[in-house]
N, C-alpha and C. Protein backbone atom coordinates (compact mmCIF):
# COMPACT_ATOMS: atom_id res chain seq x y z
N UNK A 1 58.38 173.94 77.48
CA UNK A 1 58.72 174.00 78.90
C UNK A 1 59.52 175.27 79.21
N UNK A 2 60.45 175.62 78.36
CA UNK A 2 61.29 176.77 78.65
C UNK A 2 60.51 178.08 78.65
N UNK A 3 59.39 178.14 77.93
CA UNK A 3 58.62 179.38 77.88
C UNK A 3 58.14 179.79 79.26
N UNK A 4 57.61 178.84 80.02
CA UNK A 4 57.12 179.19 81.35
C UNK A 4 58.27 179.59 82.26
N UNK A 5 59.40 178.91 82.15
CA UNK A 5 60.56 179.29 82.96
C UNK A 5 61.02 180.69 82.60
N UNK A 6 61.03 181.01 81.31
CA UNK A 6 61.45 182.35 80.87
C UNK A 6 60.48 183.42 81.37
N UNK A 7 59.18 183.11 81.33
CA UNK A 7 58.20 184.10 81.81
C UNK A 7 58.33 184.33 83.31
N UNK A 8 58.50 183.24 84.06
CA UNK A 8 58.67 183.38 85.52
C UNK A 8 59.96 184.14 85.82
N UNK A 9 61.03 183.82 85.09
CA UNK A 9 62.31 184.51 85.30
C UNK A 9 62.17 186.00 85.03
N UNK A 10 61.39 186.36 84.02
CA UNK A 10 61.19 187.78 83.71
C UNK A 10 60.44 188.48 84.85
N UNK A 11 59.45 187.82 85.40
CA UNK A 11 58.73 188.41 86.54
C UNK A 11 59.67 188.56 87.73
N UNK A 12 60.47 187.54 87.99
CA UNK A 12 61.43 187.61 89.10
C UNK A 12 62.37 188.79 88.89
N UNK A 13 62.89 188.95 87.68
CA UNK A 13 63.78 190.08 87.38
C UNK A 13 63.08 191.41 87.65
N UNK A 14 61.81 191.48 87.33
CA UNK A 14 61.07 192.73 87.51
C UNK A 14 60.85 193.07 88.98
N UNK A 15 61.08 192.11 89.85
CA UNK A 15 60.89 192.32 91.28
C UNK A 15 62.18 192.74 92.00
N UNK A 16 63.29 192.78 91.26
CA UNK A 16 64.55 193.22 91.86
C UNK A 16 64.44 194.70 92.25
N UNK A 17 65.12 195.09 93.32
CA UNK A 17 65.07 196.50 93.73
C UNK A 17 65.46 197.46 92.60
N UNK A 18 66.47 197.09 91.82
CA UNK A 18 66.92 197.97 90.73
C UNK A 18 65.85 198.14 89.65
N UNK A 19 64.93 197.19 89.58
CA UNK A 19 63.85 197.27 88.59
C UNK A 19 62.58 197.88 89.20
N UNK A 20 62.68 198.33 90.44
CA UNK A 20 61.54 198.96 91.09
C UNK A 20 60.69 198.02 91.92
N UNK A 21 61.19 196.82 92.18
CA UNK A 21 60.45 195.88 93.00
C UNK A 21 60.19 196.44 94.39
N UNK A 22 58.98 196.34 94.85
CA UNK A 22 58.57 196.91 96.13
C UNK A 22 58.37 195.81 97.17
N UNK A 23 59.24 195.76 98.17
CA UNK A 23 59.12 194.73 99.20
C UNK A 23 57.79 194.77 99.96
N UNK A 24 57.12 195.89 99.96
CA UNK A 24 55.84 196.00 100.65
C UNK A 24 54.71 195.31 99.89
N UNK A 25 54.90 195.13 98.58
CA UNK A 25 53.82 194.55 97.78
C UNK A 25 54.21 193.28 97.03
N UNK A 26 55.47 192.87 97.13
CA UNK A 26 55.94 191.70 96.38
C UNK A 26 56.77 190.79 97.28
N UNK A 27 56.36 189.53 97.34
CA UNK A 27 57.11 188.52 98.10
C UNK A 27 58.54 188.40 97.59
N UNK A 28 58.70 188.34 96.28
CA UNK A 28 60.04 188.19 95.70
C UNK A 28 60.89 189.42 95.98
N UNK A 29 60.31 190.61 95.84
CA UNK A 29 61.06 191.83 96.15
C UNK A 29 61.49 191.82 97.61
N UNK A 30 60.64 191.31 98.48
CA UNK A 30 60.97 191.22 99.90
C UNK A 30 62.15 190.27 100.11
N UNK A 31 62.15 189.13 99.41
CA UNK A 31 63.29 188.22 99.50
C UNK A 31 64.57 188.90 99.03
N UNK A 32 64.49 189.57 97.87
CA UNK A 32 65.67 190.27 97.36
C UNK A 32 66.17 191.30 98.37
N UNK A 33 65.25 192.02 98.99
CA UNK A 33 65.65 193.07 99.93
C UNK A 33 66.34 192.50 101.17
N UNK A 34 66.01 191.28 101.51
CA UNK A 34 66.63 190.63 102.67
C UNK A 34 67.99 190.03 102.35
N UNK A 35 68.29 189.84 101.06
CA UNK A 35 69.61 189.38 100.66
C UNK A 35 69.76 187.87 100.51
N UNK A 36 70.98 187.50 100.19
CA UNK A 36 71.32 186.10 99.88
C UNK A 36 70.90 185.13 100.98
N UNK A 37 71.20 185.47 102.22
CA UNK A 37 70.93 184.53 103.30
C UNK A 37 69.45 184.19 103.43
N UNK A 38 68.58 185.17 103.22
CA UNK A 38 67.14 184.90 103.29
C UNK A 38 66.71 183.97 102.16
N UNK A 39 67.26 184.19 100.98
CA UNK A 39 66.93 183.33 99.84
C UNK A 39 67.45 181.92 100.10
N UNK A 40 68.68 181.82 100.58
CA UNK A 40 69.26 180.50 100.87
C UNK A 40 68.47 179.77 101.96
N UNK A 41 68.04 180.49 102.97
CA UNK A 41 67.23 179.89 104.04
C UNK A 41 65.93 179.34 103.46
N UNK A 42 65.30 180.10 102.58
CA UNK A 42 64.05 179.66 101.98
C UNK A 42 64.27 178.42 101.13
N UNK A 43 65.37 178.36 100.39
CA UNK A 43 65.67 177.17 99.59
C UNK A 43 65.88 175.96 100.50
N UNK A 44 66.56 176.16 101.61
CA UNK A 44 66.74 175.06 102.57
C UNK A 44 65.42 174.55 103.10
N UNK A 45 64.52 175.48 103.42
CA UNK A 45 63.18 175.08 103.90
C UNK A 45 62.43 174.31 102.82
N UNK A 46 62.47 174.81 101.60
CA UNK A 46 61.75 174.15 100.51
C UNK A 46 62.36 172.80 100.17
N UNK A 47 63.68 172.69 100.25
CA UNK A 47 64.32 171.40 99.99
C UNK A 47 63.89 170.37 101.04
N UNK A 48 63.84 170.79 102.29
CA UNK A 48 63.40 169.89 103.36
C UNK A 48 61.96 169.48 103.15
N UNK A 49 61.10 170.43 102.78
CA UNK A 49 59.70 170.11 102.53
C UNK A 49 59.55 169.17 101.34
N UNK A 50 60.41 169.31 100.34
CA UNK A 50 60.38 168.42 99.18
C UNK A 50 60.76 167.00 99.59
N UNK A 51 61.79 166.88 100.40
CA UNK A 51 62.22 165.56 100.89
C UNK A 51 61.09 164.91 101.69
N UNK A 52 60.48 165.68 102.57
CA UNK A 52 59.40 165.13 103.39
C UNK A 52 58.20 164.72 102.54
N UNK A 53 57.89 165.51 101.52
CA UNK A 53 56.78 165.17 100.63
C UNK A 53 57.08 163.88 99.86
N UNK A 54 58.33 163.69 99.47
CA UNK A 54 58.71 162.46 98.77
C UNK A 54 58.57 161.25 99.70
N UNK A 55 58.98 161.42 100.93
CA UNK A 55 58.83 160.33 101.90
C UNK A 55 57.36 160.00 102.12
N UNK A 56 56.53 161.03 102.23
CA UNK A 56 55.09 160.82 102.39
C UNK A 56 54.50 160.12 101.17
N UNK A 57 54.93 160.54 99.98
CA UNK A 57 54.42 159.95 98.74
C UNK A 57 54.82 158.48 98.63
N UNK A 58 55.99 158.17 99.11
CA UNK A 58 56.45 156.78 99.09
C UNK A 58 55.49 155.89 99.89
N UNK A 59 54.99 156.41 100.99
CA UNK A 59 54.08 155.65 101.85
C UNK A 59 52.65 155.69 101.32
N UNK A 60 52.19 156.88 100.93
CA UNK A 60 50.78 157.05 100.56
C UNK A 60 50.48 156.72 99.10
N UNK A 61 51.50 156.84 98.25
CA UNK A 61 51.28 156.66 96.82
C UNK A 61 50.74 157.91 96.15
N UNK A 62 50.51 158.97 96.91
CA UNK A 62 50.00 160.24 96.37
C UNK A 62 51.15 161.23 96.26
N UNK A 63 51.56 161.53 95.04
CA UNK A 63 52.71 162.41 94.82
C UNK A 63 52.32 163.86 94.59
N UNK A 64 51.06 164.22 94.82
CA UNK A 64 50.63 165.60 94.54
C UNK A 64 51.37 166.63 95.39
N UNK A 65 51.61 166.32 96.65
CA UNK A 65 52.33 167.27 97.50
C UNK A 65 53.80 167.38 97.06
N UNK A 66 54.36 166.29 96.58
CA UNK A 66 55.73 166.32 96.06
C UNK A 66 55.82 167.26 94.87
N UNK A 67 54.84 167.21 94.00
CA UNK A 67 54.82 168.11 92.86
C UNK A 67 54.76 169.57 93.31
N UNK A 68 53.89 169.86 94.26
CA UNK A 68 53.72 171.21 94.80
C UNK A 68 55.02 171.71 95.44
N UNK A 69 55.63 170.88 96.26
CA UNK A 69 56.85 171.30 96.96
C UNK A 69 58.02 171.44 95.99
N UNK A 70 58.08 170.61 94.97
CA UNK A 70 59.15 170.73 93.97
C UNK A 70 58.99 172.04 93.20
N UNK A 71 57.75 172.42 92.91
CA UNK A 71 57.53 173.71 92.24
C UNK A 71 58.02 174.85 93.12
N UNK A 72 57.76 174.78 94.42
CA UNK A 72 58.27 175.81 95.34
C UNK A 72 59.80 175.84 95.34
N UNK A 73 60.41 174.67 95.36
CA UNK A 73 61.88 174.58 95.36
C UNK A 73 62.46 175.17 94.08
N UNK A 74 61.88 174.81 92.95
CA UNK A 74 62.36 175.35 91.67
C UNK A 74 62.20 176.87 91.64
N UNK A 75 61.04 177.35 92.09
CA UNK A 75 60.81 178.79 92.08
C UNK A 75 61.86 179.53 92.90
N UNK A 76 62.08 179.07 94.11
CA UNK A 76 63.05 179.75 94.96
C UNK A 76 64.48 179.60 94.43
N UNK A 77 64.75 178.51 93.75
CA UNK A 77 66.05 178.35 93.09
C UNK A 77 66.19 179.38 91.97
N UNK A 78 65.09 179.68 91.28
CA UNK A 78 65.12 180.69 90.24
C UNK A 78 65.37 182.08 90.83
N UNK A 79 64.83 182.34 92.01
CA UNK A 79 65.10 183.61 92.68
C UNK A 79 66.59 183.70 93.00
N UNK A 80 67.16 182.62 93.49
CA UNK A 80 68.60 182.61 93.79
C UNK A 80 69.44 182.82 92.53
N UNK A 81 69.07 182.15 91.45
CA UNK A 81 69.79 182.36 90.19
C UNK A 81 69.76 183.84 89.80
N UNK A 82 68.59 184.46 89.89
CA UNK A 82 68.46 185.87 89.54
C UNK A 82 69.32 186.75 90.45
N UNK A 83 69.40 186.38 91.71
CA UNK A 83 70.22 187.15 92.66
C UNK A 83 71.67 187.20 92.20
N UNK A 84 72.11 186.14 91.53
CA UNK A 84 73.50 186.07 91.08
C UNK A 84 73.64 186.32 89.57
N UNK A 85 72.60 186.88 88.96
CA UNK A 85 72.68 187.25 87.55
C UNK A 85 72.65 186.07 86.60
N UNK A 86 72.09 184.96 87.05
CA UNK A 86 72.00 183.76 86.21
C UNK A 86 70.55 183.54 85.79
N UNK A 87 70.36 182.71 84.77
CA UNK A 87 69.03 182.47 84.23
C UNK A 87 68.71 180.97 84.17
N UNK A 88 67.43 180.65 84.13
CA UNK A 88 67.06 179.24 83.95
C UNK A 88 67.63 178.68 82.64
N UNK A 89 67.71 179.50 81.61
CA UNK A 89 68.26 179.01 80.34
C UNK A 89 69.69 178.55 80.50
N UNK A 90 70.45 179.21 81.34
CA UNK A 90 71.83 178.77 81.58
C UNK A 90 71.86 177.40 82.25
N UNK A 91 70.90 177.15 83.13
CA UNK A 91 70.80 175.83 83.77
C UNK A 91 70.42 174.78 82.72
N UNK A 92 69.44 175.11 81.88
CA UNK A 92 69.04 174.20 80.81
C UNK A 92 70.22 173.91 79.89
N UNK A 93 70.98 174.94 79.55
CA UNK A 93 72.16 174.76 78.70
C UNK A 93 73.19 173.84 79.37
N UNK A 94 73.37 174.00 80.66
CA UNK A 94 74.31 173.14 81.38
C UNK A 94 73.82 171.69 81.40
N UNK A 95 72.53 171.50 81.59
CA UNK A 95 71.97 170.14 81.54
C UNK A 95 72.15 169.54 80.15
N UNK A 96 71.95 170.35 79.12
CA UNK A 96 72.14 169.88 77.75
C UNK A 96 73.60 169.49 77.51
N UNK A 97 74.52 170.26 78.07
CA UNK A 97 75.94 169.94 77.92
C UNK A 97 76.25 168.58 78.55
N UNK A 98 75.58 168.28 79.65
CA UNK A 98 75.83 167.02 80.36
C UNK A 98 75.09 165.82 79.76
N UNK A 99 74.12 166.09 78.90
CA UNK A 99 73.30 165.02 78.35
C UNK A 99 74.17 163.97 77.66
N UNK A 100 73.92 162.74 77.98
CA UNK A 100 74.67 161.64 77.37
C UNK A 100 76.02 161.37 78.00
N UNK A 101 76.36 162.15 79.03
CA UNK A 101 77.64 161.94 79.72
C UNK A 101 77.34 161.25 81.05
N UNK A 102 78.09 160.21 81.31
CA UNK A 102 77.93 159.51 82.58
C UNK A 102 78.12 160.49 83.73
N UNK A 103 77.23 160.40 84.73
CA UNK A 103 77.35 161.26 85.90
C UNK A 103 78.68 161.08 86.61
N UNK A 104 79.16 159.86 86.62
CA UNK A 104 80.45 159.57 87.24
C UNK A 104 81.57 160.27 86.46
N UNK A 105 81.53 160.16 85.12
CA UNK A 105 82.54 160.80 84.29
C UNK A 105 82.46 162.33 84.37
N UNK A 106 81.24 162.85 84.38
CA UNK A 106 81.06 164.31 84.45
C UNK A 106 81.63 164.84 85.75
N UNK A 107 81.35 164.17 86.86
CA UNK A 107 81.85 164.64 88.14
C UNK A 107 83.37 164.54 88.21
N UNK A 108 83.94 163.50 87.65
CA UNK A 108 85.40 163.32 87.65
C UNK A 108 86.09 164.40 86.82
N UNK A 109 85.40 164.92 85.80
CA UNK A 109 86.00 165.92 84.92
C UNK A 109 85.97 167.33 85.52
N UNK A 110 85.24 167.52 86.60
CA UNK A 110 85.16 168.86 87.21
C UNK A 110 86.50 169.24 87.79
N UNK A 111 86.81 170.53 87.69
CA UNK A 111 88.08 171.02 88.21
C UNK A 111 87.95 171.57 89.61
N UNK A 112 86.72 171.71 90.10
CA UNK A 112 86.49 172.30 91.43
C UNK A 112 86.30 171.23 92.46
């Protein structure tokens, strides 16, 4: 699973302006050129679409659109991570750190 995330992350990195990403020919480069707010707006849109797809799947029993929208949400989240110099592997590492820990206990242990 991590291989595909690493490959996508590498492509996202290659679309950064500093890496020569061209907003005229790359959707991701265009997002980067517009800055944090554009990326955050896109994540908000994708999150809403994911919620709506889940609601539709609950009624129809067809979760295919939920899968599609979740992929969009994950992708745009990866763009945001790259914007802040973070990687999918760091997210996986954080999930691994939390594995086996009660969500209630983990949240209580946070200092923020």
